[in-house]
């Protein structure tokens, strides 16, 4: 090898993720756990409905790679169908983890907010300089009487780019032992733990 060449790590694991916010959260948690993502490709599906096409293409490529994923509970049917179509027997949601697909209770943002709690979530929002925008949302008539966790959840996804920014920041704010189970299990599989 000459001085100008670089060593390229072959992708050994591919992670199918519903959106860019999931990519940000997985990246943050992997960093916290000290997991090297050099041989991992994090794929933004741009919506879970694209899992069938992506999983099909990956299986047709027949390369030696482990395919993993993260999805929201209301969307598991798309992952179940996609896995069944490529020959993985999935009877119901309880079979998904055996194939490396982990399910967030409602969605990733809900998992992160629940793990941190409302007060610490607000702290992260304040550190990002978004507290005035949160106050505005909380004063809107439609959100005024809603529980704080619902307001926070809505706030996380209401503006372009905010979902990604907050997913990464909230995941980074998690302390040892606080990582929600779906994220923790996925990152542990990435680390071969």
C-alpha atoms as a PDB file:
ATOM      1  CA  UNK A   1       0.000   0.000   0.000  1.00  0.00           C
ATOM      2  CA  UNK A   2       1.304   3.411  -0.888  1.00  0.00           C
ATOM      3  CA  UNK A   3       0.946   6.561   1.239  1.00  0.00           C
ATOM      4  CA  UNK A   4      -2.127   7.807  -0.693  1.00  0.00           C
ATOM      5  CA  UNK A   5      -4.210   4.635  -0.329  1.00  0.00           C
ATOM      6  CA  UNK A   6      -6.613   4.008   2.484  1.00  0.00           C
ATOM      7  CA  UNK A   7      -7.887   0.818   3.965  1.00  0.00           C
ATOM      8  CA  UNK A   8     -11.595   0.439   3.393  1.00  0.00           C
ATOM      9  CA  UNK A   9     -13.526  -1.603   5.930  1.00  0.00           C
ATOM     10  CA  UNK A  10     -16.012  -4.002   4.371  1.00  0.00           C
ATOM     11  CA  UNK A  11     -19.582  -3.524   5.547  1.00  0.00           C
ATOM     12  CA  UNK A  12     -20.454  -6.504   7.737  1.00  0.00           C
ATOM     13  CA  UNK A  13     -23.727  -5.234   9.159  1.00  0.00           C
ATOM     14  CA  UNK A  14     -26.522  -3.196   7.673  1.00  0.00           C
ATOM     15  CA  UNK A  15     -29.088  -1.513   9.896  1.00  0.00           C
ATOM     16  CA  UNK A  16     -32.433  -0.598   8.361  1.00  0.00           C
ATOM     17  CA  UNK A  17     -33.893   2.445  10.100  1.00  0.00           C
ATOM     18  CA  UNK A  18     -37.196   4.207   9.505  1.00  0.00           C
ATOM     19  CA  UNK A  19     -35.713   7.684   9.226  1.00  0.00           C
ATOM     20  CA  UNK A  20     -32.801  10.041   9.737  1.00  0.00           C
ATOM     21  CA  UNK A  21     -33.725  10.595  13.399  1.00  0.00           C
ATOM     22  CA  UNK A  22     -33.224   6.876  14.035  1.00  0.00           C
ATOM     23  CA  UNK A  23     -29.813   7.091  12.340  1.00  0.00           C
ATOM     24  CA  UNK A  24     -28.887   9.994  14.643  1.00  0.00           C
ATOM     25  CA  UNK A  25     -30.008   8.128  17.775  1.00  0.00           C
ATOM     26  CA  UNK A  26     -28.244   4.873  16.853  1.00  0.00           C
ATOM     27  CA  UNK A  27     -25.062   6.801  16.051  1.00  0.00           C
ATOM     28  CA  UNK A  28     -25.209   8.604  19.419  1.00  0.00           C
ATOM     29  CA  UNK A  29     -25.834   5.427  21.425  1.00  0.00           C
ATOM     30  CA  UNK A  30     -23.107   3.541  19.540  1.00  0.00           C
ATOM     31  CA  UNK A  31     -20.696   6.349  20.409  1.00  0.00           C
ATOM     32  CA  UNK A  32     -21.735   6.188  24.077  1.00  0.00           C
ATOM     33  CA  UNK A  33     -21.170   2.422  24.106  1.00  0.00           C
ATOM     34  CA  UNK A  34     -17.834   2.758  22.296  1.00  0.00           C
ATOM     35  CA  UNK A  35     -19.069   0.747  19.318  1.00  0.00           C
ATOM     36  CA  UNK A  36     -17.083   1.286  16.117  1.00  0.00           C
ATOM     37  CA  UNK A  37     -19.480   1.770  13.213  1.00  0.00           C
ATOM     38  CA  UNK A  38     -16.725   1.387  10.615  1.00  0.00           C
ATOM     39  CA  UNK A  39     -18.102  -1.913   9.317  1.00  0.00           C
ATOM     40  CA  UNK A  40     -21.741  -0.877   9.766  1.00  0.00           C
ATOM     41  CA  UNK A  41     -24.002   0.840   7.265  1.00  0.00           C
ATOM     42  CA  UNK A  42     -26.922   2.729   8.800  1.00  0.00           C
ATOM     43  CA  UNK A  43     -29.649   2.942   6.141  1.00  0.00           C
ATOM     44  CA  UNK A  44     -32.325   5.648   6.296  1.00  0.00           C
ATOM     45  CA  UNK A  45     -35.345   3.980   4.700  1.00  0.00           C
ATOM     46  CA  UNK A  46     -37.204   7.299   4.386  1.00  0.00           C
ATOM     47  CA  UNK A  47     -40.193   5.527   5.934  1.00  0.00           C
ATOM     48  CA  UNK A  48     -40.776   1.986   7.098  1.00  0.00           C
ATOM     49  CA  UNK A  49     -42.879   1.121   4.047  1.00  0.00           C
ATOM     50  CA  UNK A  50     -39.605   0.953   2.079  1.00  0.00           C
ATOM     51  CA  UNK A  51     -38.300  -1.939   4.193  1.00  0.00           C
ATOM     52  CA  UNK A  52     -39.730  -4.539   1.799  1.00  0.00           C
ATOM     53  CA  UNK A  53     -37.852  -3.173  -1.208  1.00  0.00           C
ATOM     54  CA  UNK A  54     -34.585  -2.629   0.698  1.00  0.00           C
ATOM     55  CA  UNK A  55     -34.633  -6.016   2.432  1.00  0.00           C
ATOM     56  CA  UNK A  56     -35.451  -7.733  -0.862  1.00  0.00           C
ATOM     57  CA  UNK A  57     -32.537  -6.028  -2.621  1.00  0.00           C
ATOM     58  CA  UNK A  58     -30.155  -6.928   0.188  1.00  0.00           C
ATOM     59  CA  UNK A  59     -31.177 -10.571   0.099  1.00  0.00           C
ATOM     60  CA  UNK A  60     -30.896 -10.732  -3.693  1.00  0.00           C
ATOM     61  CA  UNK A  61     -27.357  -9.332  -3.437  1.00  0.00           C
ATOM     62  CA  UNK A  62     -26.487 -12.469  -1.422  1.00  0.00           C
ATOM     63  CA  UNK A  63     -23.489 -10.879   0.240  1.00  0.00           C
ATOM     64  CA  UNK A  64     -22.381 -12.055   3.660  1.00  0.00           C
ATOM     65  CA  UNK A  65     -23.795  -9.292   5.836  1.00  0.00           C
ATOM     66  CA  UNK A  66     -25.975  -9.284   8.894  1.00  0.00           C
ATOM     67  CA  UNK A  67     -29.140  -7.253   8.410  1.00  0.00           C
ATOM     68  CA  UNK A  68     -30.617  -5.615  11.504  1.00  0.00           C
ATOM     69  CA  UNK A  69     -33.214  -2.960  12.135  1.00  0.00           C
ATOM     70  CA  UNK A  70     -35.293  -0.794  14.395  1.00  0.00           C
ATOM     71  CA  UNK A  71     -38.982  -0.027  13.955  1.00  0.00           C
ATOM     72  CA  UNK A  72     -41.954   1.445  15.783  1.00  0.00           C
ATOM     73  CA  UNK A  73     -44.627  -0.847  17.238  1.00  0.00           C
ATOM     74  CA  UNK A  74     -47.433   0.538  15.039  1.00  0.00           C
ATOM     75  CA  UNK A  75     -45.337  -0.264  11.932  1.00  0.00           C
ATOM     76  CA  UNK A  76     -44.200  -3.831  12.688  1.00  0.00           C
ATOM     77  CA  UNK A  77     -46.521  -5.351  10.084  1.00  0.00           C
ATOM     78  CA  UNK A  78     -44.318  -3.917   7.315  1.00  0.00           C
ATOM     79  CA  UNK A  79     -41.191  -5.507   8.783  1.00  0.00           C
ATOM     80  CA  UNK A  80     -42.958  -8.822   9.441  1.00  0.00           C
ATOM     81  CA  UNK A  81     -44.180  -8.985   5.815  1.00  0.00           C
ATOM     82  CA  UNK A  82     -40.765  -8.046   4.428  1.00  0.00           C
ATOM     83  CA  UNK A  83     -38.985 -10.701   6.485  1.00  0.00           C
ATOM     84  CA  UNK A  84     -41.527 -13.359   5.511  1.00  0.00           C
ATOM     85  CA  UNK A  85     -41.026 -12.481   1.818  1.00  0.00           C
ATOM     86  CA  UNK A  86     -37.281 -13.152   2.058  1.00  0.00           C
ATOM     87  CA  UNK A  87     -37.813 -16.509   3.770  1.00  0.00           C
ATOM     88  CA  UNK A  88     -37.643 -15.597   7.456  1.00  0.00           C
ATOM     89  CA  UNK A  89     -40.540 -17.178   9.322  1.00  0.00           C
ATOM     90  CA  UNK A  90     -42.252 -14.469  11.360  1.00  0.00           C
ATOM     91  CA  UNK A  91     -45.493 -15.418  13.088  1.00  0.00           C
ATOM     92  CA  UNK A  92     -45.847 -12.188  15.047  1.00  0.00           C
ATOM     93  CA  UNK A  93     -43.931  -9.268  16.547  1.00  0.00           C
ATOM     94  CA  UNK A  94     -42.292 -11.485  19.163  1.00  0.00           C
ATOM     95  CA  UNK A  95     -40.232 -13.157  16.404  1.00  0.00           C
ATOM     96  CA  UNK A  96     -38.626  -9.928  15.159  1.00  0.00           C
ATOM     97  CA  UNK A  97     -35.766  -9.769  17.662  1.00  0.00           C
ATOM     98  CA  UNK A  98     -34.588 -13.225  16.599  1.00  0.00           C
ATOM     99  CA  UNK A  99     -33.904 -11.673  13.192  1.00  0.00           C
ATOM    100  CA  UNK A 100     -32.215  -8.597  14.676  1.00  0.00           C
ATOM    101  CA  UNK A 101     -35.161  -6.208  14.386  1.00  0.00           C
ATOM    102  CA  UNK A 102     -36.007  -4.359  17.583  1.00  0.00           C
ATOM    103  CA  UNK A 103     -39.300  -2.613  18.297  1.00  0.00           C
ATOM    104  CA  UNK A 104     -39.830   0.763  19.955  1.00  0.00           C
ATOM    105  CA  UNK A 105     -42.953   0.841  22.142  1.00  0.00           C
ATOM    106  CA  UNK A 106     -44.713   3.701  20.344  1.00  0.00           C
ATOM    107  CA  UNK A 107     -41.795   5.229  18.480  1.00  0.00           C
ATOM    108  CA  UNK A 108     -38.172   6.177  19.050  1.00  0.00           C
ATOM    109  CA  UNK A 109     -38.935   9.662  20.381  1.00  0.00           C
ATOM    110  CA  UNK A 110     -41.356   8.270  22.945  1.00  0.00           C
ATOM    111  CA  UNK A 111     -38.698   5.782  24.081  1.00  0.00           C
ATOM    112  CA  UNK A 112     -36.110   8.550  24.485  1.00  0.00           C
ATOM    113  CA  UNK A 113     -38.483  10.909  26.331  1.00  0.00           C
ATOM    114  CA  UNK A 114     -39.584   8.115  28.682  1.00  0.00           C
ATOM    115  CA  UNK A 115     -35.972   7.095  29.356  1.00  0.00           C
ATOM    116  CA  UNK A 116     -34.870  10.635  30.180  1.00  0.00           C
ATOM    117  CA  UNK A 117     -38.051  11.865  31.819  1.00  0.00           C
ATOM    118  CA  UNK A 118     -39.771  15.159  31.027  1.00  0.00           C
ATOM    119  CA  UNK A 119     -37.452  17.398  33.072  1.00  0.00           C
ATOM    120  CA  UNK A 120     -34.241  16.112  31.495  1.00  0.00           C
ATOM    121  CA  UNK A 121     -35.825  16.210  28.046  1.00  0.00           C
ATOM    122  CA  UNK A 122     -36.635  19.883  28.631  1.00  0.00           C
ATOM    123  CA  UNK A 123     -33.030  20.430  29.767  1.00  0.00           C
ATOM    124  CA  UNK A 124     -31.789  19.052  26.429  1.00  0.00           C
ATOM    125  CA  UNK A 125     -34.250  21.257  24.537  1.00  0.00           C
ATOM    126  CA  UNK A 126     -33.015  24.285  26.483  1.00  0.00           C
ATOM    127  CA  UNK A 127     -29.360  23.399  25.808  1.00  0.00           C
ATOM    128  CA  UNK A 128     -30.192  23.398  22.101  1.00  0.00           C
ATOM    129  CA  UNK A 129     -31.751  26.860  22.410  1.00  0.00           C
ATOM    130  CA  UNK A 130     -35.214  25.624  21.517  1.00  0.00           C
ATOM    131  CA  UNK A 131     -36.973  26.444  24.796  1.00  0.00           C
ATOM    132  CA  UNK A 132     -38.874  29.448  23.367  1.00  0.00           C
ATOM    133  CA  UNK A 133     -40.219  27.295  20.541  1.00  0.00           C
ATOM    134  CA  UNK A 134     -41.324  24.658  23.062  1.00  0.00           C
ATOM    135  CA  UNK A 135     -43.071  27.346  25.119  1.00  0.00           C
ATOM    136  CA  UNK A 136     -44.927  28.484  22.001  1.00  0.00           C
ATOM    137  CA  UNK A 137     -46.156  24.964  21.251  1.00  0.00           C
ATOM    138  CA  UNK A 138     -47.227  24.430  24.862  1.00  0.00           C
ATOM    139  CA  UNK A 139     -49.352  27.608  24.742  1.00  0.00           C
ATOM    140  CA  UNK A 140     -51.260  26.597  21.621  1.00  0.00           C
ATOM    141  CA  UNK A 141     -54.921  25.807  22.431  1.00  0.00           C
ATOM    142  CA  UNK A 142     -54.660  22.296  20.945  1.00  0.00           C
ATOM    143  CA  UNK A 143     -51.756  21.425  23.275  1.00  0.00           C
ATOM    144  CA  UNK A 144     -52.466  23.521  26.343  1.00  0.00           C
ATOM    145  CA  UNK A 145     -54.151  20.823  28.431  1.00  0.00           C
ATOM    146  CA  UNK A 146     -52.204  17.847  27.112  1.00  0.00           C
ATOM    147  CA  UNK A 147     -49.763  15.961  29.363  1.00  0.00           C
ATOM    148  CA  UNK A 148     -46.200  17.298  29.215  1.00  0.00           C
ATOM    149  CA  UNK A 149     -44.843  14.084  27.698  1.00  0.00           C
ATOM    150  CA  UNK A 150     -47.341  14.384  24.812  1.00  0.00           C
ATOM    151  CA  UNK A 151     -46.313  18.002  24.277  1.00  0.00           C
ATOM    152  CA  UNK A 152     -42.652  16.992  24.220  1.00  0.00           C
ATOM    153  CA  UNK A 153     -43.346  14.166  21.794  1.00  0.00           C
ATOM    154  CA  UNK A 154     -45.177  16.520  19.445  1.00  0.00           C
ATOM    155  CA  UNK A 155     -42.399  19.095  19.759  1.00  0.00           C
ATOM    156  CA  UNK A 156     -39.774  16.562  18.717  1.00  0.00           C
ATOM    157  CA  UNK A 157     -41.349  16.025  15.314  1.00  0.00           C
ATOM    158  CA  UNK A 158     -43.097  19.260  14.420  1.00  0.00           C
ATOM    159  CA  UNK A 159     -40.385  21.126  12.441  1.00  0.00           C
ATOM    160  CA  UNK A 160     -38.041  20.109   9.656  1.00  0.00           C
ATOM    161  CA  UNK A 161     -34.707  18.868  10.998  1.00  0.00           C
ATOM    162  CA  UNK A 162     -35.822  18.987  14.631  1.00  0.00           C
ATOM    163  CA  UNK A 163     -36.581  15.277  14.873  1.00  0.00           C
ATOM    164  CA  UNK A 164     -33.035  14.362  13.832  1.00  0.00           C
ATOM    165  CA  UNK A 165     -31.441  17.027  16.029  1.00  0.00           C
ATOM    166  CA  UNK A 166     -33.414  16.027  19.120  1.00  0.00           C
ATOM    167  CA  UNK A 167     -33.090  12.265  18.589  1.00  0.00           C
ATOM    168  CA  UNK A 168     -29.305  12.559  18.546  1.00  0.00           C
ATOM    169  CA  UNK A 169     -29.203  15.000  21.480  1.00  0.00           C
ATOM    170  CA  UNK A 170     -31.638  13.013  23.627  1.00  0.00           C
ATOM    171  CA  UNK A 171     -29.781   9.765  22.931  1.00  0.00           C
ATOM    172  CA  UNK A 172     -26.479  11.449  23.825  1.00  0.00           C
ATOM    173  CA  UNK A 173     -27.979  12.643  27.132  1.00  0.00           C
ATOM    174  CA  UNK A 174     -28.764   9.099  28.269  1.00  0.00           C
ATOM    175  CA  UNK A 175     -26.666   7.883  31.163  1.00  0.00           C
ATOM    176  CA  UNK A 176     -25.331   4.365  31.702  1.00  0.00           C
ATOM    177  CA  UNK A 177     -28.191   1.926  32.074  1.00  0.00           C
ATOM    178  CA  UNK A 178     -30.791   4.378  30.706  1.00  0.00           C
ATOM    179  CA  UNK A 179     -30.754   3.377  27.057  1.00  0.00           C
ATOM    180  CA  UNK A 180     -34.187   2.101  25.994  1.00  0.00           C
ATOM    181  CA  UNK A 181     -34.183  -1.643  25.371  1.00  0.00           C
ATOM    182  CA  UNK A 182     -34.678  -1.533  21.570  1.00  0.00           C
ATOM    183  CA  UNK A 183     -31.719   0.822  21.072  1.00  0.00           C
ATOM    184  CA  UNK A 184     -29.559  -1.008  23.600  1.00  0.00           C
ATOM    185  CA  UNK A 185     -30.256  -4.432  22.053  1.00  0.00           C
ATOM    186  CA  UNK A 186     -29.506  -3.130  18.558  1.00  0.00           C
ATOM    187  CA  UNK A 187     -26.222  -1.507  19.575  1.00  0.00           C
ATOM    188  CA  UNK A 188     -25.204  -4.625  21.513  1.00  0.00           C
ATOM    189  CA  UNK A 189     -25.757  -6.659  18.312  1.00  0.00           C
ATOM    190  CA  UNK A 190     -23.588  -4.148  16.437  1.00  0.00           C
ATOM    191  CA  UNK A 191     -20.861  -4.677  19.039  1.00  0.00           C
ATOM    192  CA  UNK A 192     -21.251  -8.483  18.818  1.00  0.00           C
ATOM    193  CA  UNK A 193     -22.055  -8.564  22.536  1.00  0.00           C
END
